[in-house]
Amino acid sequence: MENWRAVQVSGELSGAEARVRAGRRRVRWMLHQKVAVRDESGHIVKWYGTSTDIEDRKEEEQKLRTGARRNTRSEADLRRTLDTIPALVSSFWPDGSNECMNQRWHDYTVYPMTIPR
């Protein structure tokens, strides 16, 4: 509410995300945006605003964050597995550059572990 009061004074473009009750038990994310219309002398004469349901976007963002954490964990597990097995392991891109290698491969070849593409 304080944000809206500050926007009323300044006349700046406003945008805020908030949880809004939609029906008896449902609560949804909404994006509220407001813009002032000014007369020739610069005085605010009218406000226009929109409220857009962004619940689906918020759900997808959460899935992406959860998936990214899961992928990071999976990559760490794969790295541990590759570094633990008693073999030289590496993978190469079609152009011949190295995609990844385990610690044993690095120790044997002294090839840098991180190679810029």
PDB file of N, CA and C in Angstrom:
ATOM      1  N   MET A   1       0.818  -1.190   0.000  1.00  0.00           N
ATOM      2  CA  MET A   1       0.000   0.000   0.000  1.00  0.00           C
ATOM      3  C   MET A   1       0.867   1.261   0.000  1.00  0.00           C
ATOM      4  N   GLU A   2       1.974   1.219   0.740  1.00  0.00           N
ATOM      5  CA  GLU A   2       2.876   2.374   0.760  1.00  0.00           C
ATOM      6  C   GLU A   2       3.448   2.627  -0.627  1.00  0.00           C
ATOM      7  N   ASN A   3       3.713   1.537  -1.361  1.00  0.00           N
ATOM      8  CA  ASN A   3       4.228   1.676  -2.723  1.00  0.00           C
ATOM      9  C   ASN A   3       3.228   2.452  -3.583  1.00  0.00           C
ATOM     10  N   TRP A   4       1.945   2.137  -3.458  1.00  0.00           N
ATOM     11  CA  TRP A   4       0.927   2.808  -4.253  1.00  0.00           C
ATOM     12  C   TRP A   4       0.854   4.294  -3.884  1.00  0.00           C
ATOM     13  N   ARG A   5       0.969   4.603  -2.609  1.00  0.00           N
ATOM     14  CA  ARG A   5       0.944   6.017  -2.190  1.00  0.00           C
ATOM     15  C   ARG A   5       2.138   6.775  -2.782  1.00  0.00           C
ATOM     16  N   ALA A   6       3.299   6.140  -2.768  1.00  0.00           N
ATOM     17  CA  ALA A   6       4.492   6.780  -3.339  1.00  0.00           C
ATOM     18  C   ALA A   6       4.317   6.980  -4.836  1.00  0.00           C
ATOM     19  N   VAL A   7       3.702   6.016  -5.519  1.00  0.00           N
ATOM     20  CA  VAL A   7       3.469   6.118  -6.967  1.00  0.00           C
ATOM     21  C   VAL A   7       2.465   7.226  -7.258  1.00  0.00           C
ATOM     22  N   GLN A   8       1.445   7.373  -6.417  1.00  0.00           N
ATOM     23  CA  GLN A   8       0.461   8.434  -6.614  1.00  0.00           C
ATOM     24  C   GLN A   8       1.120   9.812  -6.553  1.00  0.00           C
ATOM     25  N   VAL A   9       2.069   9.971  -5.669  1.00  0.00           N
ATOM     26  CA  VAL A   9       2.759  11.245  -5.528  1.00  0.00           C
ATOM     27  C   VAL A   9       3.695  11.487  -6.709  1.00  0.00           C
ATOM     28  N   SER A  10       4.463  10.464  -7.079  1.00  0.00           N
ATOM     29  CA  SER A  10       5.478  10.638  -8.126  1.00  0.00           C
ATOM     30  C   SER A  10       4.911  10.532  -9.530  1.00  0.00           C
ATOM     31  N   GLY A  11       3.842   9.766  -9.687  1.00  0.00           N
ATOM     32  CA  GLY A  11       3.286   9.557 -11.017  1.00  0.00           C
ATOM     33  C   GLY A  11       4.071   8.562 -11.850  1.00  0.00           C
ATOM     34  N   GLU A  12       5.022   7.871 -11.224  1.00  0.00           N
ATOM     35  CA  GLU A  12       5.852   6.894 -11.930  1.00  0.00           C
ATOM     36  C   GLU A  12       5.031   5.660 -12.304  1.00  0.00           C
ATOM     37  N   LEU A  13       5.495   4.942 -13.314  1.00  0.00           N
ATOM     38  CA  LEU A  13       4.910   3.660 -13.700  1.00  0.00           C
ATOM     39  C   LEU A  13       5.055   2.711 -12.522  1.00  0.00           C
ATOM     40  N   SER A  14       4.015   1.975 -12.210  1.00  0.00           N
ATOM     41  CA  SER A  14       4.044   1.088 -11.053  1.00  0.00           C
ATOM     42  C   SER A  14       3.753  -0.335 -11.479  1.00  0.00           C
ATOM     43  N   GLY A  15       4.427  -1.262 -10.841  1.00  0.00           N
ATOM     44  CA  GLY A  15       4.169  -2.675 -11.066  1.00  0.00           C
ATOM     45  C   GLY A  15       4.478  -3.446  -9.808  1.00  0.00           C
ATOM     46  N   ALA A  16       3.572  -4.323  -9.421  1.00  0.00           N
ATOM     47  CA  ALA A  16       3.789  -5.112  -8.215  1.00  0.00           C
ATOM     48  C   ALA A  16       3.096  -6.463  -8.369  1.00  0.00           C
ATOM     49  N   GLU A  17       3.755  -7.492  -7.828  1.00  0.00           N
ATOM     50  CA  GLU A  17       3.166  -8.823  -7.804  1.00  0.00           C
ATOM     51  C   GLU A  17       2.612  -9.064  -6.407  1.00  0.00           C
ATOM     52  N   ALA A  18       1.440  -9.683  -6.346  1.00  0.00           N
ATOM     53  CA  ALA A  18       0.827  -9.933  -5.040  1.00  0.00           C
ATOM     54  C   ALA A  18      -0.047 -11.174  -5.119  1.00  0.00           C
ATOM     55  N   ARG A  19      -0.246 -11.791  -3.963  1.00  0.00           N
ATOM     56  CA  ARG A  19      -1.179 -12.911  -3.856  1.00  0.00           C
ATOM     57  C   ARG A  19      -2.570 -12.325  -3.623  1.00  0.00           C
ATOM     58  N   VAL A  20      -3.559 -12.802  -4.379  1.00  0.00           N
ATOM     59  CA  VAL A  20      -4.919 -12.285  -4.289  1.00  0.00           C
ATOM     60  C   VAL A  20      -5.876 -13.457  -4.131  1.00  0.00           C
ATOM     61  N   ARG A  21      -6.824 -13.292  -3.226  1.00  0.00           N
ATOM     62  CA  ARG A  21      -7.825 -14.341  -3.020  1.00  0.00           C
ATOM     63  C   ARG A  21      -8.760 -14.372  -4.221  1.00  0.00           C
ATOM     64  N   ALA A  22      -8.932 -15.561  -4.783  1.00  0.00           N
ATOM     65  CA  ALA A  22      -9.813 -15.753  -5.939  1.00  0.00           C
ATOM     66  C   ALA A  22     -10.842 -16.815  -5.552  1.00  0.00           C
ATOM     67  N   GLY A  23     -11.950 -16.376  -5.043  1.00  0.00           N
ATOM     68  CA  GLY A  23     -12.946 -17.335  -4.578  1.00  0.00           C
ATOM     69  C   GLY A  23     -12.747 -17.636  -3.101  1.00  0.00           C
ATOM     70  N   ARG A  24     -13.382 -18.690  -2.650  1.00  0.00           N
ATOM     71  CA  ARG A  24     -13.361 -18.994  -1.220  1.00  0.00           C
ATOM     72  C   ARG A  24     -12.005 -19.445  -0.705  1.00  0.00           C
ATOM     73  N   ARG A  25     -11.383 -20.372  -1.395  1.00  0.00           N
ATOM     74  CA  ARG A  25     -10.161 -20.959  -0.855  1.00  0.00           C
ATOM     75  C   ARG A  25      -8.946 -20.800  -1.756  1.00  0.00           C
ATOM     76  N   ARG A  26      -9.146 -20.321  -2.948  1.00  0.00           N
ATOM     77  CA  ARG A  26      -8.026 -20.202  -3.883  1.00  0.00           C
ATOM     78  C   ARG A  26      -7.333 -18.859  -3.727  1.00  0.00           C
ATOM     79  N   VAL A  27      -6.022 -18.895  -3.817  1.00  0.00           N
ATOM     80  CA  VAL A  27      -5.217 -17.680  -3.817  1.00  0.00           C
ATOM     81  C   VAL A  27      -4.317 -17.762  -5.036  1.00  0.00           C
ATOM     82  N   ARG A  28      -4.257 -16.674  -5.805  1.00  0.00           N
ATOM     83  CA  ARG A  28      -3.485 -16.692  -7.040  1.00  0.00           C
ATOM     84  C   ARG A  28      -2.535 -15.504  -7.071  1.00  0.00           C
ATOM     85  N   TRP A  29      -1.430 -15.673  -7.820  1.00  0.00           N
ATOM     86  CA  TRP A  29      -0.491 -14.584  -8.031  1.00  0.00           C
ATOM     87  C   TRP A  29      -1.047 -13.662  -9.106  1.00  0.00           C
ATOM     88  N   MET A  30      -0.974 -12.356  -8.846  1.00  0.00           N
ATOM     89  CA  MET A  30      -1.424 -11.357  -9.813  1.00  0.00           C
ATOM     90  C   MET A  30      -0.324 -10.309  -9.983  1.00  0.00           C
ATOM     91  N   LEU A  31      -0.219  -9.780 -11.197  1.00  0.00           N
ATOM     92  CA  LEU A  31       0.678  -8.672 -11.484  1.00  0.00           C
ATOM     93  C   LEU A  31      -0.202  -7.442 -11.680  1.00  0.00           C
ATOM     94  N   HIS A  32      -0.004  -6.424 -10.830  1.00  0.00           N
ATOM     95  CA  HIS A  32      -0.773  -5.184 -10.892  1.00  0.00           C
ATOM     96  C   HIS A  32       0.136  -4.095 -11.456  1.00  0.00           C
ATOM     97  N   GLN A  33      -0.319  -3.444 -12.525  1.00  0.00           N
ATOM     98  CA  GLN A  33       0.457  -2.368 -13.142  1.00  0.00           C
ATOM     99  C   GLN A  33      -0.433  -1.138 -13.284  1.00  0.00           C
ATOM    100  N   LYS A  34       0.177   0.023 -13.038  1.00  0.00           N
ATOM    101  CA  LYS A  34      -0.566   1.282 -13.129  1.00  0.00           C
ATOM    102  C   LYS A  34       0.298   2.320 -13.833  1.00  0.00           C
ATOM    103  N   VAL A  35      -0.363   3.167 -14.604  1.00  0.00           N
ATOM    104  CA  VAL A  35       0.338   4.250 -15.293  1.00  0.00           C
ATOM    105  C   VAL A  35      -0.540   5.504 -15.228  1.00  0.00           C
ATOM    106  N   ALA A  36       0.116   6.629 -15.021  1.00  0.00           N
ATOM    107  CA  ALA A  36      -0.599   7.904 -14.916  1.00  0.00           C
ATOM    108  C   ALA A  36      -0.748   8.546 -16.292  1.00  0.00           C
ATOM    109  N   VAL A  37      -1.880   9.203 -16.499  1.00  0.00           N
ATOM    110  CA  VAL A  37      -2.102  10.011 -17.697  1.00  0.00           C
ATOM    111  C   VAL A  37      -2.041  11.464 -17.242  1.00  0.00           C
ATOM    112  N   ARG A  38      -1.237  12.245 -17.920  1.00  0.00           N
ATOM    113  CA  ARG A  38      -1.029  13.640 -17.522  1.00  0.00           C
ATOM    114  C   ARG A  38      -1.620  14.595 -18.562  1.00  0.00           C
ATOM    115  N   ASP A  39      -1.995  15.778 -18.097  1.00  0.00           N
ATOM    116  CA  ASP A  39      -2.459  16.815 -19.022  1.00  0.00           C
ATOM    117  C   ASP A  39      -1.247  17.579 -19.569  1.00  0.00           C
ATOM    118  N   GLU A  40      -1.501  18.614 -20.346  1.00  0.00           N
ATOM    119  CA  GLU A  40      -0.422  19.373 -20.982  1.00  0.00           C
ATOM    120  C   GLU A  40       0.535  20.004 -19.969  1.00  0.00           C
ATOM    121  N   SER A  41       0.031  20.326 -18.789  1.00  0.00           N
ATOM    122  CA  SER A  41       0.876  20.962 -17.780  1.00  0.00           C
ATOM    123  C   SER A  41       1.589  19.958 -16.882  1.00  0.00           C
ATOM    124  N   GLY A  42       1.355  18.660 -17.126  1.00  0.00           N
ATOM    125  CA  GLY A  42       2.058  17.634 -16.368  1.00  0.00           C
ATOM    126  C   GLY A  42       1.327  17.125 -15.145  1.00  0.00           C
ATOM    127  N   HIS A  43       0.126  17.620 -14.912  1.00  0.00           N
ATOM    128  CA  HIS A  43      -0.659  17.152 -13.768  1.00  0.00           C
ATOM    129  C   HIS A  43      -1.326  15.820 -14.099  1.00  0.00           C
ATOM    130  N   ILE A  44      -1.373  14.959 -13.105  1.00  0.00           N
ATOM    131  CA  ILE A  44      -2.022  13.662 -13.299  1.00  0.00           C
ATOM    132  C   ILE A  44      -3.526  13.874 -13.343  1.00  0.00           C
ATOM    133  N   VAL A  45      -4.161  13.398 -14.432  1.00  0.00           N
ATOM    134  CA  VAL A  45      -5.608  13.559 -14.575  1.00  0.00           C
ATOM    135  C   VAL A  45      -6.345  12.221 -14.486  1.00  0.00           C
ATOM    136  N   LYS A  46      -5.613  11.144 -14.698  1.00  0.00           N
ATOM    137  CA  LYS A  46      -6.276   9.842 -14.713  1.00  0.00           C
ATOM    138  C   LYS A  46      -5.228   8.756 -14.519  1.00  0.00           C
ATOM    139  N   TRP A  47      -5.665   7.615 -14.018  1.00  0.00           N
ATOM    140  CA  TRP A  47      -4.801   6.445 -13.885  1.00  0.00           C
ATOM    141  C   TRP A  47      -5.408   5.297 -14.676  1.00  0.00           C
ATOM    142  N   TYR A  48      -4.542   4.549 -15.350  1.00  0.00           N
ATOM    143  CA  TYR A  48      -4.958   3.301 -15.984  1.00  0.00           C
ATOM    144  C   TYR A  48      -4.214   2.169 -15.295  1.00  0.00           C
ATOM    145  N   GLY A  49      -4.886   1.062 -15.137  1.00  0.00           N
ATOM    146  CA  GLY A  49      -4.232  -0.063 -14.480  1.00  0.00           C
ATOM    147  C   GLY A  49      -4.703  -1.387 -15.035  1.00  0.00           C
ATOM    148  N   THR A  50      -3.864  -2.378 -14.848  1.00  0.00           N
ATOM    149  CA  THR A  50      -4.216  -3.743 -15.231  1.00  0.00           C
ATOM    150  C   THR A  50      -3.864  -4.674 -14.084  1.00  0.00           C
ATOM    151  N   SER A  51      -4.589  -5.752 -14.012  1.00  0.00           N
ATOM    152  CA  SER A  51      -4.269  -6.839 -13.090  1.00  0.00           C
ATOM    153  C   SER A  51      -4.259  -8.102 -13.927  1.00  0.00           C
ATOM    154  N   THR A  52      -3.100  -8.747 -13.981  1.00  0.00           N
ATOM    155  CA  THR A  52      -2.921  -9.928 -14.821  1.00  0.00           C
ATOM    156  C   THR A  52      -2.637 -11.133 -13.944  1.00  0.00           C
ATOM    157  N   ASP A  53      -3.372 -12.207 -14.193  1.00  0.00           N
ATOM    158  CA  ASP A  53      -3.158 -13.454 -13.455  1.00  0.00           C
ATOM    159  C   ASP A  53      -1.840 -14.066 -13.933  1.00  0.00           C
ATOM    160  N   ILE A  54      -0.877 -14.218 -13.010  1.00  0.00           N
ATOM    161  CA  ILE A  54       0.426 -14.787 -13.368  1.00  0.00           C
ATOM    162  C   ILE A  54       0.703 -16.076 -12.589  1.00  0.00           C
ATOM    163  N   GLU A  55      -0.353 -16.708 -12.096  1.00  0.00           N
ATOM    164  CA  GLU A  55      -0.195 -17.934 -11.309  1.00  0.00           C
ATOM    165  C   GLU A  55       0.544 -19.013 -12.101  1.00  0.00           C
ATOM    166  N   ASP A  56       0.181 -19.212 -13.361  1.00  0.00           N
ATOM    167  CA  ASP A  56       0.838 -20.238 -14.180  1.00  0.00           C
ATOM    168  C   ASP A  56       2.318 -19.933 -14.355  1.00  0.00           C
ATOM    169  N   ARG A  57       2.648 -18.662 -14.575  1.00  0.00           N
ATOM    170  CA  ARG A  57       4.055 -18.271 -14.717  1.00  0.00           C
ATOM    171  C   ARG A  57       4.832 -18.553 -13.435  1.00  0.00           C
ATOM    172  N   LYS A  58       4.237 -18.214 -12.292  1.00  0.00           N
ATOM    173  CA  LYS A  58       4.895 -18.461 -11.005  1.00  0.00           C
ATOM    174  C   LYS A  58       5.125 -19.955 -10.790  1.00  0.00           C
ATOM    175  N   GLU A  59       4.146 -20.777 -11.148  1.00  0.00           N
ATOM    176  CA  GLU A  59       4.294 -22.230 -11.009  1.00  0.00           C
ATOM    177  C   GLU A  59       5.426 -22.743 -11.887  1.00  0.00           C
ATOM    178  N   GLU A  60       5.504 -22.258 -13.126  1.00  0.00           N
ATOM    179  CA  GLU A  60       6.569 -22.687 -14.038  1.00  0.00           C
ATOM    180  C   GLU A  60       7.934 -22.225 -13.542  1.00  0.00           C
ATOM    181  N   GLU A  61       8.019 -21.005 -13.000  1.00  0.00           N
ATOM    182  CA  GLU A  61       9.284 -20.521 -12.433  1.00  0.00           C
ATOM    183  C   GLU A  61       9.736 -21.418 -11.292  1.00  0.00           C
ATOM    184  N   GLN A  62       8.781 -21.834 -10.452  1.00  0.00           N
ATOM    185  CA  GLN A  62       9.117 -22.711  -9.333  1.00  0.00           C
ATOM    186  C   GLN A  62       9.604 -24.067  -9.845  1.00  0.00           C
ATOM    187  N   LYS A  63       8.960 -24.592 -10.882  1.00  0.00           N
ATOM    188  CA  LYS A  63       9.404 -25.859 -11.462  1.00  0.00           C
ATOM    189  C   LYS A  63      10.821 -25.744 -12.018  1.00  0.00           C
ATOM    190  N   LEU A  64      11.113 -24.607 -12.666  1.00  0.00           N
ATOM    191  CA  LEU A  64      12.461 -24.394 -13.197  1.00  0.00           C
ATOM    192  C   LEU A  64      13.489 -24.334 -12.074  1.00  0.00           C
ATOM    193  N   ARG A  65      13.165 -23.621 -10.986  1.00  0.00           N
ATOM    194  CA  ARG A  65      14.096 -23.546  -9.853  1.00  0.00           C
ATOM    195  C   ARG A  65      14.318 -24.923  -9.244  1.00  0.00           C
ATOM    196  N   THR A  66      13.242 -25.680  -9.072  1.00  0.00           N
ATOM    197  CA  THR A  66      13.347 -27.020  -8.512  1.00  0.00           C
ATOM    198  C   THR A  66      14.142 -27.923  -9.443  1.00  0.00           C
ATOM    199  N   GLY A  67      13.865 -27.832 -10.744  1.00  0.00           N
ATOM    200  CA  GLY A  67      14.594 -28.638 -11.719  1.00  0.00           C
ATOM    201  C   GLY A  67      16.066 -28.291 -11.765  1.00  0.00           C
ATOM    202  N   ALA A  68      16.383 -27.002 -11.658  1.00  0.00           N
ATOM    203  CA  ALA A  68      17.788 -26.583 -11.669  1.00  0.00           C
ATOM    204  C   ALA A  68      18.522 -27.137 -10.456  1.00  0.00           C
ATOM    205  N   ARG A  69      17.870 -27.107  -9.288  1.00  0.00           N
ATOM    206  CA  ARG A  69      18.499 -27.685  -8.087  1.00  0.00           C
ATOM    207  C   ARG A  69      18.698 -29.185  -8.265  1.00  0.00           C
ATOM    208  N   ARG A  70      17.691 -29.848  -8.844  1.00  0.00           N
ATOM    209  CA  ARG A  70      17.785 -31.288  -9.064  1.00  0.00           C
ATOM    210  C   ARG A  70      18.898 -31.604 -10.056  1.00  0.00           C
ATOM    211  N   ASN A  71      19.000 -30.785 -11.130  1.00  0.00           N
ATOM    212  CA  ASN A  71      20.063 -31.002 -12.124  1.00  0.00           C
ATOM    213  C   ASN A  71      21.437 -30.796 -11.514  1.00  0.00           C
ATOM    214  N   THR A  72      21.579 -29.777 -10.687  1.00  0.00           N
ATOM    215  CA  THR A  72      22.867 -29.519 -10.043  1.00  0.00           C
ATOM    216  C   THR A  72      23.254 -30.704  -9.175  1.00  0.00           C
ATOM    217  N   ARG A  73      22.290 -31.229  -8.437  1.00  0.00           N
ATOM    218  CA  ARG A  73      22.545 -32.397  -7.598  1.00  0.00           C
ATOM    219  C   ARG A  73      22.909 -33.600  -8.458  1.00  0.00           C
ATOM    220  N   SER A  74      22.193 -33.802  -9.572  1.00  0.00           N
ATOM    221  CA  SER A  74      22.476 -34.919 -10.471  1.00  0.00           C
ATOM    222  C   SER A  74      23.862 -34.792 -11.084  1.00  0.00           C
ATOM    223  N   GLU A  75      24.242 -33.575 -11.475  1.00  0.00           N
ATOM    224  CA  GLU A  75      25.562 -33.364 -12.056  1.00  0.00           C
ATOM    225  C   GLU A  75      26.656 -33.648 -11.026  1.00  0.00           C
ATOM    226  N   ALA A  76      26.416 -33.245  -9.794  1.00  0.00           N
ATOM    227  CA  ALA A  76      27.394 -33.511  -8.727  1.00  0.00           C
ATOM    228  C   ALA A  76      27.511 -35.015  -8.479  1.00  0.00           C
ATOM    229  N   ASP A  77      26.367 -35.717  -8.494  1.00  0.00           N
ATOM    230  CA  ASP A  77      26.393 -37.169  -8.318  1.00  0.00           C
ATOM    231  C   ASP A  77      27.146 -37.841  -9.459  1.00  0.00           C
ATOM    232  N   LEU A  78      26.894 -37.391 -10.692  1.00  0.00           N
ATOM    233  CA  LEU A  78      27.596 -37.955 -11.842  1.00  0.00           C
ATOM    234  C   LEU A  78      29.096 -37.687 -11.735  1.00  0.00           C
ATOM    235  N   ARG A  79      29.476 -36.463 -11.364  1.00  0.00           N
ATOM    236  CA  ARG A  79      30.894 -36.126 -11.211  1.00  0.00           C
ATOM    237  C   ARG A  79      31.554 -37.029 -10.179  1.00  0.00           C
ATOM    238  N   ARG A  80      30.887 -37.249  -9.031  1.00  0.00           N
ATOM    239  CA  ARG A  80      31.438 -38.135  -7.995  1.00  0.00           C
ATOM    240  C   ARG A  80      31.605 -39.553  -8.519  1.00  0.00           C
ATOM    241  N   THR A  81      30.611 -40.029  -9.256  1.00  0.00           N
ATOM    242  CA  THR A  81      30.684 -41.378  -9.811  1.00  0.00           C
ATOM    243  C   THR A  81      31.825 -41.498 -10.802  1.00  0.00           C
ATOM    244  N   LEU A  82      31.927 -40.533 -11.719  1.00  0.00           N
ATOM    245  CA  LEU A  82      32.991 -40.586 -12.717  1.00  0.00           C
ATOM    246  C   LEU A  82      34.375 -40.511 -12.077  1.00  0.00           C
ATOM    247  N   ASP A  83      34.505 -39.691 -11.039  1.00  0.00           N
ATOM    248  CA  ASP A  83      35.802 -39.551 -10.383  1.00  0.00           C
ATOM    249  C   ASP A  83      36.147 -40.746  -9.512  1.00  0.00           C
ATOM    250  N   THR A  84      35.165 -41.551  -9.157  1.00  0.00           N
ATOM    251  CA  THR A  84      35.389 -42.699  -8.267  1.00  0.00           C
ATOM    252  C   THR A  84      35.739 -43.978  -9.026  1.00  0.00           C
ATOM    253  N   ILE A  85      35.203 -44.149 -10.236  1.00  0.00           N
ATOM    254  CA  ILE A  85      35.438 -45.413 -10.938  1.00  0.00           C
ATOM    255  C   ILE A  85      36.913 -45.534 -11.351  1.00  0.00           C
ATOM    256  N   PRO A  86      37.456 -46.744 -11.301  1.00  0.00           N
ATOM    257  CA  PRO A  86      38.875 -46.947 -11.617  1.00  0.00           C
ATOM    258  C   PRO A  86      39.119 -47.072 -13.127  1.00  0.00           C
ATOM    259  N   ALA A  87      38.818 -46.002 -13.866  1.00  0.00           N
ATOM    260  CA  ALA A  87      39.018 -46.008 -15.318  1.00  0.00           C
ATOM    261  C   ALA A  87      39.198 -44.578 -15.802  1.00  0.00           C
ATOM    262  N   LEU A  88      39.759 -44.454 -16.996  1.00  0.00           N
ATOM    263  CA  LEU A  88      39.875 -43.149 -17.625  1.00  0.00           C
ATOM    264  C   LEU A  88      38.571 -42.874 -18.367  1.00  0.00           C
ATOM    265  N   VAL A  89      37.894 -41.780 -18.042  1.00  0.00           N
ATOM    266  CA  VAL A  89      36.607 -41.464 -18.664  1.00  0.00           C
ATOM    267  C   VAL A  89      36.675 -40.058 -19.237  1.00  0.00           C
ATOM    268  N   SER A  90      36.266 -39.941 -20.500  1.00  0.00           N
ATOM    269  CA  SER A  90      36.163 -38.614 -21.103  1.00  0.00           C
ATOM    270  C   SER A  90      35.094 -38.646 -22.180  1.00  0.00           C
ATOM    271  N   SER A  91      34.627 -37.477 -22.536  1.00  0.00           N
ATOM    272  CA  SER A  91      33.619 -37.336 -23.574  1.00  0.00           C
ATOM    273  C   SER A  91      34.041 -36.172 -24.458  1.00  0.00           C
ATOM    274  N   PHE A  92      33.854 -36.315 -25.764  1.00  0.00           N
ATOM    275  CA  PHE A  92      34.291 -35.294 -26.706  1.00  0.00           C
ATOM    276  C   PHE A  92      33.127 -34.807 -27.556  1.00  0.00           C
ATOM    277  N   TRP A  93      33.177 -33.541 -27.927  1.00  0.00           N
ATOM    278  CA  TRP A  93      32.201 -32.948 -28.834  1.00  0.00           C
ATOM    279  C   TRP A  93      32.543 -33.372 -30.266  1.00  0.00           C
ATOM    280  N   PRO A  94      31.593 -33.243 -31.205  1.00  0.00           N
ATOM    281  CA  PRO A  94      31.869 -33.618 -32.598  1.00  0.00           C
ATOM    282  C   PRO A  94      33.076 -32.907 -33.207  1.00  0.00           C
ATOM    283  N   ASP A  95      33.381 -31.694 -32.730  1.00  0.00           N
ATOM    284  CA  ASP A  95      34.533 -30.977 -33.289  1.00  0.00           C
ATOM    285  C   ASP A  95      35.855 -31.443 -32.679  1.00  0.00           C
ATOM    286  N   GLY A  96      35.807 -32.428 -31.782  1.00  0.00           N
ATOM    287  CA  GLY A  96      37.019 -32.978 -31.182  1.00  0.00           C
ATOM    288  C   GLY A  96      37.403 -32.351 -29.857  1.00  0.00           C
ATOM    289  N   SER A  97      36.715 -31.288 -29.457  1.00  0.00           N
ATOM    290  CA  SER A  97      37.030 -30.675 -28.163  1.00  0.00           C
ATOM    291  C   SER A  97      36.450 -31.527 -27.033  1.00  0.00           C
ATOM    292  N   ASN A  98      37.068 -31.407 -25.884  1.00  0.00           N
ATOM    293  CA  ASN A  98      36.686 -32.232 -24.741  1.00  0.00           C
ATOM    294  C   ASN A  98      35.466 -31.650 -24.042  1.00  0.00           C
ATOM    295  N   GLU A  99      34.449 -32.488 -23.832  1.00  0.00           N
ATOM    296  CA  GLU A  99      33.250 -32.064 -23.113  1.00  0.00           C
ATOM    297  C   GLU A  99      33.442 -32.232 -21.616  1.00  0.00           C
ATOM    298  N   CYS A 100      33.907 -33.388 -21.196  1.00  0.00           N
ATOM    299  CA  CYS A 100      34.174 -33.631 -19.777  1.00  0.00           C
ATOM    300  C   CYS A 100      35.169 -34.775 -19.642  1.00  0.00           C
ATOM    301  N   MET A 101      35.753 -34.865 -18.447  1.00  0.00           N
ATOM    302  CA  MET A 101      36.689 -35.955 -18.151  1.00  0.00           C
ATOM    303  C   MET A 101      36.664 -36.191 -16.651  1.00  0.00           C
ATOM    304  N   ASN A 102      37.025 -37.407 -16.265  1.00  0.00           N
ATOM    305  CA  ASN A 102      37.110 -37.649 -14.832  1.00  0.00           C
ATOM    306  C   ASN A 102      38.494 -37.288 -14.323  1.00  0.00           C
ATOM    307  N   GLN A 103      38.638 -37.304 -13.000  1.00  0.00           N
ATOM    308  CA  GLN A 103      39.895 -36.892 -12.378  1.00  0.00           C
ATOM    309  C   GLN A 103      41.054 -37.781 -12.824  1.00  0.00           C
ATOM    310  N   ARG A 104      40.818 -39.095 -12.989  1.00  0.00           N
ATOM    311  CA  ARG A 104      41.879 -40.004 -13.427  1.00  0.00           C
ATOM    312  C   ARG A 104      42.392 -39.624 -14.820  1.00  0.00           C
ATOM    313  N   TRP A 105      41.475 -39.260 -15.725  1.00  0.00           N
ATOM    314  CA  TRP A 105      41.874 -38.845 -17.076  1.00  0.00           C
ATOM    315  C   TRP A 105      42.759 -37.607 -16.983  1.00  0.00           C
ATOM    316  N   HIS A 106      42.312 -36.655 -16.158  1.00  0.00           N
ATOM    317  CA  HIS A 106      43.082 -35.432 -15.973  1.00  0.00           C
ATOM    318  C   HIS A 106      44.470 -35.735 -15.396  1.00  0.00           C
ATOM    319  N   ASP A 107      44.535 -36.577 -14.370  1.00  0.00           N
ATOM    320  CA  ASP A 107      45.818 -36.911 -13.750  1.00  0.00           C
ATOM    321  C   ASP A 107      46.749 -37.611 -14.741  1.00  0.00           C
ATOM    322  N   TYR A 108      46.185 -38.466 -15.589  1.00  0.00           N
ATOM    323  CA  TYR A 108      46.985 -39.229 -16.537  1.00  0.00           C
ATOM    324  C   TYR A 108      47.503 -38.346 -17.673  1.00  0.00           C
ATOM    325  N   THR A 109      46.606 -37.482 -18.205  1.00  0.00           N
ATOM    326  CA  THR A 109      46.975 -36.684 -19.383  1.00  0.00           C
ATOM    327  C   THR A 109      47.464 -35.281 -19.035  1.00  0.00           C
ATOM    328  N   VAL A 110      47.239 -34.845 -17.826  1.00  0.00           N
ATOM    329  CA  VAL A 110      47.518 -33.486 -17.376  1.00  0.00           C
ATOM    330  C   VAL A 110      46.790 -32.473 -18.290  1.00  0.00           C
ATOM    331  N   TYR A 111      45.670 -32.894 -18.821  1.00  0.00           N
ATOM    332  CA  TYR A 111      44.825 -32.060 -19.664  1.00  0.00           C
ATOM    333  C   TYR A 111      43.963 -31.189 -18.732  1.00  0.00           C
ATOM    334  N   PRO A 112      43.789 -29.912 -19.001  1.00  0.00           N
ATOM    335  CA  PRO A 112      43.014 -29.077 -18.085  1.00  0.00           C
ATOM    336  C   PRO A 112      41.582 -29.573 -17.928  1.00  0.00           C
ATOM    337  N   MET A 113      41.085 -29.534 -16.681  1.00  0.00           N
ATOM    338  CA  MET A 113      39.723 -30.010 -16.399  1.00  0.00           C
ATOM    339  C   MET A 113      38.666 -29.111 -17.041  1.00  0.00           C
ATOM    340  N   THR A 114      38.865 -27.817 -17.051  1.00  0.00           N
ATOM    341  CA  THR A 114      37.914 -26.901 -17.669  1.00  0.00           C
ATOM    342  C   THR A 114      38.533 -26.316 -18.922  1.00  0.00           C
ATOM    343  N   ILE A 115      37.844 -26.532 -20.022  1.00  0.00           N
ATOM    344  CA  ILE A 115      38.351 -26.086 -21.310  1.00  0.00           C
ATOM    345  C   ILE A 115      37.336 -25.123 -21.901  1.00  0.00           C
ATOM    346  N   PRO A 116      37.737 -23.886 -22.199  1.00  0.00           N
ATOM    347  CA  PRO A 116      36.780 -22.941 -22.793  1.00  0.00           C
ATOM    348  C   PRO A 116      36.398 -23.405 -24.189  1.00  0.00           C
ATOM    349  N   ARG A 117      35.114 -23.274 -24.492  1.00  0.00           N
ATOM    350  CA  ARG A 117      34.618 -23.661 -25.828  1.00  0.00           C
ATOM    351  C   ARG A 117      34.575 -22.467 -26.716  1.00  0.00           C
TER     352      ARG A 117
END
